[in-house]
Amino acid sequence: MILEPVAGLLITVPVLLPAAIEFGIDPLHLGIVMILNLVLGLLTPPVGLVLYVLSSVTGSSVQTVTRGTVPFLIPLLITLLLITFIPAFSLWLPGLLVK
């Protein structure tokens, strides 16, 4: 929630990628999980930057924007759990393209 996505990727990927490869995790799967986590961080109150951008663009308060985005956090969290624990959800399309 605190880091910008680019900074989060630049800091965590060099550390996590070798460990993930060592444990047999597909690098593409790791990337998809990391990007979805960073998107959730941008939407999560109280420091989600997207909330402040939406508030500025729409002229609404941050509280109003937060209430509008909360229903979308639940499906995103469920999707994150499914993609994280069932890699086939995120790797089936790339698998079709490689063949």
PDB file of N, CA and C in Angstrom:
ATOM      1  N   MET A   1       0.818  -1.195   0.000  1.00  0.00           N
ATOM      2  CA  MET A   1       0.000   0.000   0.000  1.00  0.00           C
ATOM      3  C   MET A   1       0.861   1.258   0.000  1.00  0.00           C
ATOM      4  N   ILE A   2       2.046   1.197   0.526  1.00  0.00           N
ATOM      5  CA  ILE A   2       2.828   2.406   0.732  1.00  0.00           C
ATOM      6  C   ILE A   2       3.686   2.739  -0.479  1.00  0.00           C
ATOM      7  N   LEU A   3       4.180   1.743  -1.184  1.00  0.00           N
ATOM      8  CA  LEU A   3       5.084   1.974  -2.300  1.00  0.00           C
ATOM      9  C   LEU A   3       4.339   2.198  -3.607  1.00  0.00           C
ATOM     10  N   GLU A   4       4.954   3.003  -4.458  1.00  0.00           N
ATOM     11  CA  GLU A   4       4.496   3.103  -5.839  1.00  0.00           C
ATOM     12  C   GLU A   4       4.755   1.756  -6.508  1.00  0.00           C
ATOM     13  N   PRO A   5       3.957   1.379  -7.492  1.00  0.00           N
ATOM     14  CA  PRO A   5       4.165   0.074  -8.141  1.00  0.00           C
ATOM     15  C   PRO A   5       5.545  -0.087  -8.778  1.00  0.00           C
ATOM     16  N   VAL A   6       6.036   0.941  -9.454  1.00  0.00           N
ATOM     17  CA  VAL A   6       7.346   0.814 -10.096  1.00  0.00           C
ATOM     18  C   VAL A   6       8.439   0.648  -9.042  1.00  0.00           C
ATOM     19  N   ALA A   7       8.360   1.427  -7.977  1.00  0.00           N
ATOM     20  CA  ALA A   7       9.350   1.298  -6.903  1.00  0.00           C
ATOM     21  C   ALA A   7       9.228  -0.063  -6.225  1.00  0.00           C
ATOM     22  N   GLY A   8       8.005  -0.520  -6.022  1.00  0.00           N
ATOM     23  CA  GLY A   8       7.803  -1.835  -5.419  1.00  0.00           C
ATOM     24  C   GLY A   8       8.394  -2.944  -6.262  1.00  0.00           C
ATOM     25  N   LEU A   9       8.220  -2.848  -7.583  1.00  0.00           N
ATOM     26  CA  LEU A   9       8.791  -3.856  -8.473  1.00  0.00           C
ATOM     27  C   LEU A   9      10.308  -3.791  -8.480  1.00  0.00           C
ATOM     28  N   LEU A  10      10.851  -2.582  -8.546  1.00  0.00           N
ATOM     29  CA  LEU A  10      12.310  -2.433  -8.583  1.00  0.00           C
ATOM     30  C   LEU A  10      12.979  -2.918  -7.303  1.00  0.00           C
ATOM     31  N   ILE A  11      12.283  -2.821  -6.195  1.00  0.00           N
ATOM     32  CA  ILE A  11      12.858  -3.257  -4.921  1.00  0.00           C
ATOM     33  C   ILE A  11      12.673  -4.750  -4.705  1.00  0.00           C
ATOM     34  N   THR A  12      11.498  -5.284  -5.028  1.00  0.00           N
ATOM     35  CA  THR A  12      11.202  -6.667  -4.658  1.00  0.00           C
ATOM     36  C   THR A  12      11.598  -7.718  -5.690  1.00  0.00           C
ATOM     37  N   VAL A  13      11.533  -7.384  -6.972  1.00  0.00           N
ATOM     38  CA  VAL A  13      11.814  -8.398  -7.995  1.00  0.00           C
ATOM     39  C   VAL A  13      13.234  -8.947  -7.909  1.00  0.00           C
ATOM     40  N   PRO A  14      14.275  -8.111  -7.767  1.00  0.00           N
ATOM     41  CA  PRO A  14      15.615  -8.696  -7.675  1.00  0.00           C
ATOM     42  C   PRO A  14      15.810  -9.607  -6.461  1.00  0.00           C
ATOM     43  N   VAL A  15      15.020  -9.403  -5.437  1.00  0.00           N
ATOM     44  CA  VAL A  15      15.132 -10.241  -4.236  1.00  0.00           C
ATOM     45  C   VAL A  15      14.288 -11.503  -4.367  1.00  0.00           C
ATOM     46  N   LEU A  16      13.054 -11.353  -4.850  1.00  0.00           N
ATOM     47  CA  LEU A  16      12.124 -12.477  -4.866  1.00  0.00           C
ATOM     48  C   LEU A  16      12.283 -13.408  -6.066  1.00  0.00           C
ATOM     49  N   LEU A  17      12.719 -12.897  -7.211  1.00  0.00           N
ATOM     50  CA  LEU A  17      12.797 -13.732  -8.406  1.00  0.00           C
ATOM     51  C   LEU A  17      13.760 -14.906  -8.256  1.00  0.00           C
ATOM     52  N   PRO A  18      15.000 -14.702  -7.778  1.00  0.00           N
ATOM     53  CA  PRO A  18      15.870 -15.873  -7.604  1.00  0.00           C
ATOM     54  C   PRO A  18      15.318 -16.890  -6.606  1.00  0.00           C
ATOM     55  N   ALA A  19      14.695 -16.396  -5.548  1.00  0.00           N
ATOM     56  CA  ALA A  19      14.105 -17.313  -4.564  1.00  0.00           C
ATOM     57  C   ALA A  19      12.936 -18.076  -5.176  1.00  0.00           C
ATOM     58  N   ALA A  20      12.118 -17.394  -5.963  1.00  0.00           N
ATOM     59  CA  ALA A  20      10.972 -18.054  -6.601  1.00  0.00           C
ATOM     60  C   ALA A  20      11.435 -19.115  -7.589  1.00  0.00           C
ATOM     61  N   ILE A  21      12.457 -18.817  -8.364  1.00  0.00           N
ATOM     62  CA  ILE A  21      12.978 -19.798  -9.313  1.00  0.00           C
ATOM     63  C   ILE A  21      13.547 -20.999  -8.565  1.00  0.00           C
ATOM     64  N   GLU A  22      14.212 -20.741  -7.463  1.00  0.00           N
ATOM     65  CA  GLU A  22      14.778 -21.827  -6.653  1.00  0.00           C
ATOM     66  C   GLU A  22      13.684 -22.746  -6.109  1.00  0.00           C
ATOM     67  N   PHE A  23      12.528 -22.180  -5.767  1.00  0.00           N
ATOM     68  CA  PHE A  23      11.410 -22.975  -5.251  1.00  0.00           C
ATOM     69  C   PHE A  23      10.517 -23.539  -6.346  1.00  0.00           C
ATOM     70  N   GLY A  24      10.855 -23.286  -7.614  1.00  0.00           N
ATOM     71  CA  GLY A  24      10.099 -23.850  -8.719  1.00  0.00           C
ATOM     72  C   GLY A  24       8.866 -23.058  -9.125  1.00  0.00           C
ATOM     73  N   ILE A  25       8.791 -21.788  -8.749  1.00  0.00           N
ATOM     74  CA  ILE A  25       7.662 -20.947  -9.127  1.00  0.00           C
ATOM     75  C   ILE A  25       7.951 -20.327 -10.485  1.00  0.00           C
ATOM     76  N   ASP A  26       6.988 -20.389 -11.368  1.00  0.00           N
ATOM     77  CA  ASP A  26       7.143 -19.817 -12.704  1.00  0.00           C
ATOM     78  C   ASP A  26       7.324 -18.299 -12.599  1.00  0.00           C
ATOM     79  N   PRO A  27       8.317 -17.730 -13.272  1.00  0.00           N
ATOM     80  CA  PRO A  27       8.525 -16.274 -13.204  1.00  0.00           C
ATOM     81  C   PRO A  27       7.331 -15.470 -13.721  1.00  0.00           C
ATOM     82  N   LEU A  28       6.639 -15.978 -14.729  1.00  0.00           N
ATOM     83  CA  LEU A  28       5.452 -15.292 -15.233  1.00  0.00           C
ATOM     84  C   LEU A  28       4.354 -15.267 -14.170  1.00  0.00           C
ATOM     85  N   HIS A  29       4.178 -16.382 -13.496  1.00  0.00           N
ATOM     86  CA  HIS A  29       3.180 -16.457 -12.423  1.00  0.00           C
ATOM     87  C   HIS A  29       3.527 -15.483 -11.306  1.00  0.00           C
ATOM     88  N   LEU A  30       4.794 -15.423 -10.933  1.00  0.00           N
ATOM     89  CA  LEU A  30       5.224 -14.486  -9.902  1.00  0.00           C
ATOM     90  C   LEU A  30       4.933 -13.054 -10.336  1.00  0.00           C
ATOM     91  N   GLY A  31       5.208 -12.730 -11.592  1.00  0.00           N
ATOM     92  CA  GLY A  31       4.950 -11.381 -12.085  1.00  0.00           C
ATOM     93  C   GLY A  31       3.477 -11.021 -12.038  1.00  0.00           C
ATOM     94  N   ILE A  32       2.622 -11.951 -12.425  1.00  0.00           N
ATOM     95  CA  ILE A  32       1.179 -11.699 -12.405  1.00  0.00           C
ATOM     96  C   ILE A  32       0.697 -11.479 -10.976  1.00  0.00           C
ATOM     97  N   VAL A  33       1.163 -12.288 -10.055  1.00  0.00           N
ATOM     98  CA  VAL A  33       0.759 -12.144  -8.654  1.00  0.00           C
ATOM     99  C   VAL A  33       1.264 -10.817  -8.090  1.00  0.00           C
ATOM    100  N   MET A  34       2.489 -10.452  -8.426  1.00  0.00           N
ATOM    101  CA  MET A  34       3.035  -9.193  -7.916  1.00  0.00           C
ATOM    102  C   MET A  34       2.271  -7.987  -8.467  1.00  0.00           C
ATOM    103  N   ILE A  35       1.953  -8.001  -9.752  1.00  0.00           N
ATOM    104  CA  ILE A  35       1.225  -6.879 -10.350  1.00  0.00           C
ATOM    105  C   ILE A  35      -0.171  -6.757  -9.743  1.00  0.00           C
ATOM    106  N   LEU A  36      -0.858  -7.876  -9.556  1.00  0.00           N
ATOM    107  CA  LEU A  36      -2.188  -7.818  -8.958  1.00  0.00           C
ATOM    108  C   LEU A  36      -2.117  -7.319  -7.515  1.00  0.00           C
ATOM    109  N   ASN A  37      -1.100  -7.727  -6.785  1.00  0.00           N
ATOM    110  CA  ASN A  37      -0.910  -7.206  -5.426  1.00  0.00           C
ATOM    111  C   ASN A  37      -0.684  -5.706  -5.429  1.00  0.00           C
ATOM    112  N   LEU A  38       0.109  -5.215  -6.359  1.00  0.00           N
ATOM    113  CA  LEU A  38       0.372  -3.779  -6.419  1.00  0.00           C
ATOM    114  C   LEU A  38      -0.874  -2.998  -6.830  1.00  0.00           C
ATOM    115  N   VAL A  39      -1.697  -3.562  -7.704  1.00  0.00           N
ATOM    116  CA  VAL A  39      -2.960  -2.913  -8.070  1.00  0.00           C
ATOM    117  C   VAL A  39      -3.868  -2.822  -6.851  1.00  0.00           C
ATOM    118  N   LEU A  40      -3.937  -3.884  -6.082  1.00  0.00           N
ATOM    119  CA  LEU A  40      -4.739  -3.853  -4.859  1.00  0.00           C
ATOM    120  C   LEU A  40      -4.212  -2.812  -3.888  1.00  0.00           C
ATOM    121  N   GLY A  41      -2.900  -2.660  -3.818  1.00  0.00           N
ATOM    122  CA  GLY A  41      -2.318  -1.647  -2.950  1.00  0.00           C
ATOM    123  C   GLY A  41      -2.695  -0.238  -3.376  1.00  0.00           C
ATOM    124  N   LEU A  42      -2.835  -0.020  -4.674  1.00  0.00           N
ATOM    125  CA  LEU A  42      -3.233   1.304  -5.151  1.00  0.00           C
ATOM    126  C   LEU A  42      -4.694   1.621  -4.840  1.00  0.00           C
ATOM    127  N   LEU A  43      -5.499   0.594  -4.656  1.00  0.00           N
ATOM    128  CA  LEU A  43      -6.930   0.799  -4.382  1.00  0.00           C
ATOM    129  C   LEU A  43      -7.297   0.713  -2.906  1.00  0.00           C
ATOM    130  N   THR A  44      -6.340   0.347  -2.063  1.00  0.00           N
ATOM    131  CA  THR A  44      -6.639   0.089  -0.666  1.00  0.00           C
ATOM    132  C   THR A  44      -6.470   1.352   0.171  1.00  0.00           C
ATOM    133  N   PRO A  45      -7.492   1.725   0.925  1.00  0.00           N
ATOM    134  CA  PRO A  45      -7.355   2.882   1.811  1.00  0.00           C
ATOM    135  C   PRO A  45      -6.401   2.559   2.957  1.00  0.00           C
ATOM    136  N   PRO A  46      -5.778   3.449   3.583  1.00  0.00           N
ATOM    137  CA  PRO A  46      -5.908   4.902   3.504  1.00  0.00           C
ATOM    138  C   PRO A  46      -4.902   5.566   2.566  1.00  0.00           C
ATOM    139  N   VAL A  47      -3.929   4.833   2.043  1.00  0.00           N
ATOM    140  CA  VAL A  47      -2.897   5.483   1.237  1.00  0.00           C
ATOM    141  C   VAL A  47      -2.943   5.105  -0.232  1.00  0.00           C
ATOM    142  N   GLY A  48      -4.016   4.515  -0.705  1.00  0.00           N
ATOM    143  CA  GLY A  48      -4.120   4.141  -2.107  1.00  0.00           C
ATOM    144  C   GLY A  48      -4.131   5.377  -2.998  1.00  0.00           C
ATOM    145  N   LEU A  49      -3.124   5.503  -3.829  1.00  0.00           N
ATOM    146  CA  LEU A  49      -2.995   6.700  -4.655  1.00  0.00           C
ATOM    147  C   LEU A  49      -4.127   6.858  -5.656  1.00  0.00           C
ATOM    148  N   VAL A  50      -4.687   5.759  -6.129  1.00  0.00           N
ATOM    149  CA  VAL A  50      -5.791   5.839  -7.086  1.00  0.00           C
ATOM    150  C   VAL A  50      -7.010   6.507  -6.448  1.00  0.00           C
ATOM    151  N   LEU A  51      -7.200   6.310  -5.154  1.00  0.00           N
ATOM    152  CA  LEU A  51      -8.325   6.951  -4.474  1.00  0.00           C
ATOM    153  C   LEU A  51      -8.207   8.465  -4.519  1.00  0.00           C
ATOM    154  N   TYR A  52      -6.997   8.972  -4.331  1.00  0.00           N
ATOM    155  CA  TYR A  52      -6.793  10.415  -4.358  1.00  0.00           C
ATOM    156  C   TYR A  52      -6.916  10.972  -5.780  1.00  0.00           C
ATOM    157  N   VAL A  53      -6.463  10.219  -6.758  1.00  0.00           N
ATOM    158  CA  VAL A  53      -6.606  10.656  -8.148  1.00  0.00           C
ATOM    159  C   VAL A  53      -8.085  10.694  -8.526  1.00  0.00           C
ATOM    160  N   LEU A  54      -8.823   9.643  -8.181  1.00  0.00           N
ATOM    161  CA  LEU A  54     -10.268   9.629  -8.462  1.00  0.00           C
ATOM    162  C   LEU A  54     -10.988  10.757  -7.749  1.00  0.00           C
ATOM    163  N   SER A  55     -10.604  11.034  -6.528  1.00  0.00           N
ATOM    164  CA  SER A  55     -11.207  12.123  -5.772  1.00  0.00           C
ATOM    165  C   SER A  55     -10.951  13.458  -6.450  1.00  0.00           C
ATOM    166  N   SER A  56      -9.751  13.651  -6.928  1.00  0.00           N
ATOM    167  CA  SER A  56      -9.405  14.899  -7.602  1.00  0.00           C
ATOM    168  C   SER A  56     -10.132  15.047  -8.935  1.00  0.00           C
ATOM    169  N   VAL A  57     -10.199  13.965  -9.697  1.00  0.00           N
ATOM    170  CA  VAL A  57     -10.826  14.028 -11.024  1.00  0.00           C
ATOM    171  C   VAL A  57     -12.336  14.225 -10.915  1.00  0.00           C
ATOM    172  N   THR A  58     -12.970  13.519  -9.995  1.00  0.00           N
ATOM    173  CA  THR A  58     -14.429  13.585  -9.895  1.00  0.00           C
ATOM    174  C   THR A  58     -14.921  14.732  -9.026  1.00  0.00           C
ATOM    175  N   GLY A  59     -14.053  15.293  -8.200  1.00  0.00           N
ATOM    176  CA  GLY A  59     -14.482  16.355  -7.295  1.00  0.00           C
ATOM    177  C   GLY A  59     -15.183  15.822  -6.060  1.00  0.00           C
ATOM    178  N   SER A  60     -15.208  14.518  -5.876  1.00  0.00           N
ATOM    179  CA  SER A  60     -15.821  13.900  -4.699  1.00  0.00           C
ATOM    180  C   SER A  60     -14.800  13.814  -3.576  1.00  0.00           C
ATOM    181  N   SER A  61     -15.292  13.543  -2.391  1.00  0.00           N
ATOM    182  CA  SER A  61     -14.375  13.376  -1.261  1.00  0.00           C
ATOM    183  C   SER A  61     -13.711  12.005  -1.334  1.00  0.00           C
ATOM    184  N   VAL A  62     -12.603  11.870  -0.659  1.00  0.00           N
ATOM    185  CA  VAL A  62     -11.891  10.586  -0.634  1.00  0.00           C
ATOM    186  C   VAL A  62     -12.766   9.515   0.014  1.00  0.00           C
ATOM    187  N   GLN A  63     -13.545   9.884   1.010  1.00  0.00           N
ATOM    188  CA  GLN A  63     -14.427   8.920   1.670  1.00  0.00           C
ATOM    189  C   GLN A  63     -15.473   8.380   0.697  1.00  0.00           C
ATOM    190  N   THR A  64     -16.030   9.245  -0.143  1.00  0.00           N
ATOM    191  CA  THR A  64     -17.029   8.813  -1.116  1.00  0.00           C
ATOM    192  C   THR A  64     -16.414   7.869  -2.144  1.00  0.00           C
ATOM    193  N   VAL A  65     -15.229   8.224  -2.606  1.00  0.00           N
ATOM    194  CA  VAL A  65     -14.537   7.378  -3.578  1.00  0.00           C
ATOM    195  C   VAL A  65     -14.182   6.038  -2.948  1.00  0.00           C
ATOM    196  N   THR A  66     -13.744   6.050  -1.709  1.00  0.00           N
ATOM    197  CA  THR A  66     -13.387   4.805  -1.014  1.00  0.00           C
ATOM    198  C   THR A  66     -14.607   3.898  -0.880  1.00  0.00           C
ATOM    199  N   ARG A  67     -15.745   4.471  -0.503  1.00  0.00           N
ATOM    200  CA  ARG A  67     -16.965   3.666  -0.398  1.00  0.00           C
ATOM    201  C   ARG A  67     -17.366   3.079  -1.740  1.00  0.00           C
ATOM    202  N   GLY A  68     -17.082   3.790  -2.820  1.00  0.00           N
ATOM    203  CA  GLY A  68     -17.407   3.284  -4.149  1.00  0.00           C
ATOM    204  C   GLY A  68     -16.488   2.170  -4.616  1.00  0.00           C
ATOM    205  N   THR A  69     -15.257   2.148  -4.117  1.00  0.00           N
ATOM    206  CA  THR A  69     -14.313   1.121  -4.560  1.00  0.00           C
ATOM    207  C   THR A  69     -14.297  -0.119  -3.670  1.00  0.00           C
ATOM    208  N   VAL A  70     -14.828  -0.031  -2.476  1.00  0.00           N
ATOM    209  CA  VAL A  70     -14.798  -1.174  -1.551  1.00  0.00           C
ATOM    210  C   VAL A  70     -15.482  -2.416  -2.131  1.00  0.00           C
ATOM    211  N   PRO A  71     -16.631  -2.302  -2.809  1.00  0.00           N
ATOM    212  CA  PRO A  71     -17.231  -3.524  -3.372  1.00  0.00           C
ATOM    213  C   PRO A  71     -16.351  -4.222  -4.401  1.00  0.00           C
ATOM    214  N   PHE A  72     -15.445  -3.491  -5.039  1.00  0.00           N
ATOM    215  CA  PHE A  72     -14.563  -4.094  -6.028  1.00  0.00           C
ATOM    216  C   PHE A  72     -13.345  -4.759  -5.400  1.00  0.00           C
ATOM    217  N   LEU A  73     -13.047  -4.420  -4.159  1.00  0.00           N
ATOM    218  CA  LEU A  73     -11.893  -5.026  -3.485  1.00  0.00           C
ATOM    219  C   LEU A  73     -12.127  -6.503  -3.179  1.00  0.00           C
ATOM    220  N   ILE A  74     -13.344  -6.868  -2.861  1.00  0.00           N
ATOM    221  CA  ILE A  74     -13.635  -8.261  -2.507  1.00  0.00           C
ATOM    222  C   ILE A  74     -13.414  -9.198  -3.697  1.00  0.00           C
ATOM    223  N   PRO A  75     -13.962  -8.903  -4.889  1.00  0.00           N
ATOM    224  CA  PRO A  75     -13.663  -9.781  -6.034  1.00  0.00           C
ATOM    225  C   PRO A  75     -12.178  -9.776  -6.403  1.00  0.00           C
ATOM    226  N   LEU A  76     -11.525  -8.627  -6.247  1.00  0.00           N
ATOM    227  CA  LEU A  76     -10.089  -8.580  -6.536  1.00  0.00           C
ATOM    228  C   LEU A  76      -9.296  -9.449  -5.560  1.00  0.00           C
ATOM    229  N   LEU A  77      -9.667  -9.447  -4.302  1.00  0.00           N
ATOM    230  CA  LEU A  77      -8.993 -10.306  -3.321  1.00  0.00           C
ATOM    231  C   LEU A  77      -9.242 -11.786  -3.610  1.00  0.00           C
ATOM    232  N   ILE A  78     -10.461 -12.125  -3.993  1.00  0.00           N
ATOM    233  CA  ILE A  78     -10.763 -13.518  -4.340  1.00  0.00           C
ATOM    234  C   ILE A  78      -9.959 -13.936  -5.569  1.00  0.00           C
ATOM    235  N   THR A  79      -9.888 -13.045  -6.559  1.00  0.00           N
ATOM    236  CA  THR A  79      -9.092 -13.328  -7.749  1.00  0.00           C
ATOM    237  C   THR A  79      -7.629 -13.498  -7.399  1.00  0.00           C
ATOM    238  N   LEU A  80      -7.121 -12.650  -6.529  1.00  0.00           N
ATOM    239  CA  LEU A  80      -5.723 -12.773  -6.098  1.00  0.00           C
ATOM    240  C   LEU A  80      -5.473 -14.114  -5.430  1.00  0.00           C
ATOM    241  N   LEU A  81      -6.369 -14.539  -4.572  1.00  0.00           N
ATOM    242  CA  LEU A  81      -6.214 -15.836  -3.908  1.00  0.00           C
ATOM    243  C   LEU A  81      -6.250 -16.986  -4.918  1.00  0.00           C
ATOM    244  N   LEU A  82      -7.183 -16.927  -5.862  1.00  0.00           N
ATOM    245  CA  LEU A  82      -7.270 -17.990  -6.866  1.00  0.00           C
ATOM    246  C   LEU A  82      -6.024 -18.044  -7.742  1.00  0.00           C
ATOM    247  N   ILE A  83      -5.563 -16.893  -8.187  1.00  0.00           N
ATOM    248  CA  ILE A  83      -4.373 -16.863  -9.043  1.00  0.00           C
ATOM    249  C   ILE A  83      -3.133 -17.286  -8.274  1.00  0.00           C
ATOM    250  N   THR A  84      -3.048 -16.895  -7.014  1.00  0.00           N
ATOM    251  CA  THR A  84      -1.871 -17.230  -6.221  1.00  0.00           C
ATOM    252  C   THR A  84      -1.789 -18.726  -5.947  1.00  0.00           C
ATOM    253  N   PHE A  85      -2.897 -19.328  -5.548  1.00  0.00           N
ATOM    254  CA  PHE A  85      -2.857 -20.718  -5.122  1.00  0.00           C
ATOM    255  C   PHE A  85      -3.176 -21.723  -6.227  1.00  0.00           C
ATOM    256  N   ILE A  86      -3.709 -21.256  -7.354  1.00  0.00           N
ATOM    257  CA  ILE A  86      -3.967 -22.129  -8.498  1.00  0.00           C
ATOM    258  C   ILE A  86      -3.312 -21.484  -9.717  1.00  0.00           C
ATOM    259  N   PRO A  87      -2.021 -21.739  -9.929  1.00  0.00           N
ATOM    260  CA  PRO A  87      -1.292 -21.074 -11.012  1.00  0.00           C
ATOM    261  C   PRO A  87      -1.870 -21.321 -12.404  1.00  0.00           C
ATOM    262  N   ALA A  88      -2.634 -22.387 -12.584  1.00  0.00           N
ATOM    263  CA  ALA A  88      -3.200 -22.678 -13.898  1.00  0.00           C
ATOM    264  C   ALA A  88      -4.125 -21.558 -14.383  1.00  0.00           C
ATOM    265  N   PHE A  89      -4.752 -20.813 -13.450  1.00  0.00           N
ATOM    266  CA  PHE A  89      -5.618 -19.705 -13.847  1.00  0.00           C
ATOM    267  C   PHE A  89      -4.849 -18.622 -14.591  1.00  0.00           C
ATOM    268  N   SER A  90      -3.630 -18.372 -14.179  1.00  0.00           N
ATOM    269  CA  SER A  90      -2.869 -17.297 -14.814  1.00  0.00           C
ATOM    270  C   SER A  90      -1.936 -17.793 -15.904  1.00  0.00           C
ATOM    271  N   LEU A  91      -1.695 -19.087 -15.984  1.00  0.00           N
ATOM    272  CA  LEU A  91      -0.716 -19.591 -16.948  1.00  0.00           C
ATOM    273  C   LEU A  91      -1.331 -20.341 -18.129  1.00  0.00           C
ATOM    274  N   TRP A  92      -2.650 -20.532 -18.172  1.00  0.00           N
ATOM    275  CA  TRP A  92      -3.222 -21.323 -19.255  1.00  0.00           C
ATOM    276  C   TRP A  92      -3.142 -20.587 -20.592  1.00  0.00           C
ATOM    277  N   LEU A  93      -3.409 -19.274 -20.612  1.00  0.00           N
ATOM    278  CA  LEU A  93      -3.346 -18.541 -21.872  1.00  0.00           C
ATOM    279  C   LEU A  93      -1.917 -18.439 -22.413  1.00  0.00           C
ATOM    280  N   PRO A  94      -0.940 -18.070 -21.582  1.00  0.00           N
ATOM    281  CA  PRO A  94       0.431 -18.098 -22.103  1.00  0.00           C
ATOM    282  C   PRO A  94       0.858 -19.490 -22.569  1.00  0.00           C
ATOM    283  N   GLY A  95       0.345 -20.524 -21.903  1.00  0.00           N
ATOM    284  CA  GLY A  95       0.644 -21.895 -22.328  1.00  0.00           C
ATOM    285  C   GLY A  95       0.097 -22.201 -23.708  1.00  0.00           C
ATOM    286  N   LEU A  96      -1.066 -21.644 -24.024  1.00  0.00           N
ATOM    287  CA  LEU A  96      -1.652 -21.835 -25.350  1.00  0.00           C
ATOM    288  C   LEU A  96      -0.866 -21.081 -26.414  1.00  0.00           C
ATOM    289  N   LEU A  97      -0.371 -19.921 -26.080  1.00  0.00           N
ATOM    290  CA  LEU A  97       0.381 -19.121 -27.052  1.00  0.00           C
ATOM    291  C   LEU A  97       1.745 -19.678 -27.354  1.00  0.00           C
ATOM    292  N   VAL A  98       2.357 -20.387 -26.418  1.00  0.00           N
ATOM    293  CA  VAL A  98       3.698 -20.933 -26.599  1.00  0.00           C
ATOM    294  C   VAL A  98       3.665 -22.156 -27.509  1.00  0.00           C
ATOM    295  N   LYS A  99       2.581 -22.928 -27.443  1.00  0.00           N
ATOM    296  CA  LYS A  99       2.498 -24.177 -28.219  1.00  0.00           C
ATOM    297  C   LYS A  99       2.442 -23.951 -29.668  1.00  0.00           C
TER     298      LYS A  99
END
